Amino acid sequence: MGGGGSCVATRCPHLVDPLGDGALTDEVVMCPWHAYEFNVKTGKGITIPEMEVECYETKVAEKEVSVWIEETL
């Protein structure tokens, strides 16, 4: 079984809050500190559209998940 998807950075761009501790509902994760919401497939801000989180492409093969993180200098 294989597939793909996306994942987002674990920190909310607002005050670097722990986004990974937030509630996930469908495609939306909510920051537990200030309730900012982000689409986990695109990284786009829902609460504040100008605020985005890093979004990474993933691939699932067998029991392994790979994440592509593009390095910027």
C-alpha atoms as a PDB file:
ATOM      1  CA  MET A   1       0.000   0.000   0.000  1.00  0.00           C
ATOM      2  CA  GLY A   2       1.425   3.393  -0.928  1.00  0.00           C
ATOM      3  CA  GLY A   3       0.326   6.953  -1.086  1.00  0.00           C
ATOM      4  CA  GLY A   4       1.271  10.516  -0.507  1.00  0.00           C
ATOM      5  CA  GLY A   5       0.139  13.619   1.187  1.00  0.00           C
ATOM      6  CA  SER A   6       1.573  16.545   3.032  1.00  0.00           C
ATOM      7  CA  CYS A   7       2.630  17.655   6.465  1.00  0.00           C
ATOM      8  CA  VAL A   8       3.244  21.039   8.066  1.00  0.00           C
ATOM      9  CA  ALA A   9       5.894  22.487  10.338  1.00  0.00           C
ATOM     10  CA  THR A  10       5.389  21.895  14.052  1.00  0.00           C
ATOM     11  CA  ARG A  11       5.547  25.565  15.025  1.00  0.00           C
ATOM     12  CA  CYS A  12       2.904  28.228  14.524  1.00  0.00           C
ATOM     13  CA  PRO A  13       4.467  31.307  12.908  1.00  0.00           C
ATOM     14  CA  HIS A  14       2.826  33.491  15.563  1.00  0.00           C
ATOM     15  CA  LEU A  15       5.204  33.460  18.538  1.00  0.00           C
ATOM     16  CA  VAL A  16       6.551  30.019  17.480  1.00  0.00           C
ATOM     17  CA  ASP A  17       3.807  28.222  19.377  1.00  0.00           C
ATOM     18  CA  PRO A  18       3.636  24.378  19.453  1.00  0.00           C
ATOM     19  CA  LEU A  19       1.327  23.750  16.483  1.00  0.00           C
ATOM     20  CA  GLY A  20       1.893  20.012  16.867  1.00  0.00           C
ATOM     21  CA  ASP A  21      -0.120  20.112  20.109  1.00  0.00           C
ATOM     22  CA  GLY A  22      -3.142  21.624  18.356  1.00  0.00           C
ATOM     23  CA  ALA A  23      -6.448  19.990  17.463  1.00  0.00           C
ATOM     24  CA  LEU A  24      -6.730  18.483  13.966  1.00  0.00           C
ATOM     25  CA  THR A  25     -10.146  18.470  12.299  1.00  0.00           C
ATOM     26  CA  ASP A  26     -10.332  17.259   8.698  1.00  0.00           C
ATOM     27  CA  GLU A  27      -7.648  19.342   6.909  1.00  0.00           C
ATOM     28  CA  VAL A  28      -7.373  22.059   9.571  1.00  0.00           C
ATOM     29  CA  VAL A  29      -5.006  22.263  12.534  1.00  0.00           C
ATOM     30  CA  MET A  30      -5.628  24.840  15.260  1.00  0.00           C
ATOM     31  CA  CYS A  31      -2.834  26.366  17.322  1.00  0.00           C
ATOM     32  CA  PRO A  32      -3.511  25.509  20.984  1.00  0.00           C
ATOM     33  CA  TRP A  33      -2.283  28.891  22.263  1.00  0.00           C
ATOM     34  CA  HIS A  34      -4.145  31.466  20.175  1.00  0.00           C
ATOM     35  CA  ALA A  35      -6.580  29.395  18.053  1.00  0.00           C
ATOM     36  CA  TYR A  36      -5.029  30.346  14.696  1.00  0.00           C
ATOM     37  CA  GLU A  37      -6.034  27.794  12.059  1.00  0.00           C
ATOM     38  CA  PHE A  38      -4.062  26.413   9.106  1.00  0.00           C
ATOM     39  CA  ASN A  39      -4.838  24.052   6.248  1.00  0.00           C
ATOM     40  CA  VAL A  40      -2.507  21.048   6.679  1.00  0.00           C
ATOM     41  CA  LYS A  41      -2.448  20.260   2.946  1.00  0.00           C
ATOM     42  CA  THR A  42      -1.464  23.747   1.758  1.00  0.00           C
ATOM     43  CA  GLY A  43      -0.039  25.491   4.835  1.00  0.00           C
ATOM     44  CA  LYS A  44      -2.346  28.454   4.156  1.00  0.00           C
ATOM     45  CA  GLY A  45      -3.659  30.459   7.077  1.00  0.00           C
ATOM     46  CA  ILE A  46      -7.407  30.307   7.625  1.00  0.00           C
ATOM     47  CA  THR A  47      -7.707  32.695  10.556  1.00  0.00           C
ATOM     48  CA  ILE A  48      -5.178  35.131   9.058  1.00  0.00           C
ATOM     49  CA  PRO A  49      -4.629  34.397   5.335  1.00  0.00           C
ATOM     50  CA  GLU A  50      -1.284  36.246   5.270  1.00  0.00           C
ATOM     51  CA  MET A  51       0.112  33.882   7.915  1.00  0.00           C
ATOM     52  CA  GLU A  52       1.275  30.505   6.572  1.00  0.00           C
ATOM     53  CA  VAL A  53       3.153  27.495   7.900  1.00  0.00           C
ATOM     54  CA  GLU A  54       5.785  25.499   6.012  1.00  0.00           C
ATOM     55  CA  CYS A  55       4.178  22.631   4.120  1.00  0.00           C
ATOM     56  CA  TYR A  56       6.064  19.540   2.944  1.00  0.00           C
ATOM     57  CA  GLU A  57       5.245  16.800   0.439  1.00  0.00           C
ATOM     58  CA  THR A  58       5.183  13.258   1.817  1.00  0.00           C
ATOM     59  CA  LYS A  59       5.211   9.757   0.385  1.00  0.00           C
ATOM     60  CA  VAL A  60       4.096   6.589   2.149  1.00  0.00           C
ATOM     61  CA  ALA A  61       5.516   3.248   1.024  1.00  0.00           C
ATOM     62  CA  GLU A  62       5.115   0.042   3.017  1.00  0.00           C
ATOM     63  CA  LYS A  63       5.666   1.131   6.652  1.00  0.00           C
ATOM     64  CA  GLU A  64       7.874   4.109   5.821  1.00  0.00           C
ATOM     65  CA  VAL A  65       6.964   7.787   5.505  1.00  0.00           C
ATOM     66  CA  SER A  66       9.284  10.084   3.562  1.00  0.00           C
ATOM     67  CA  VAL A  67       9.139  13.882   3.836  1.00  0.00           C
ATOM     68  CA  TRP A  68      10.669  16.181   1.205  1.00  0.00           C
ATOM     69  CA  ILE A  69      12.104  19.304   2.788  1.00  0.00           C
ATOM     70  CA  GLU A  70      13.580  21.774   0.339  1.00  0.00           C
ATOM     71  CA  GLU A  71      16.670  23.452   1.740  1.00  0.00           C
ATOM     72  CA  THR A  72      16.860  27.222   1.293  1.00  0.00           C
ATOM     73  CA  LEU A  73      19.990  29.241   1.797  1.00  0.00           C
END
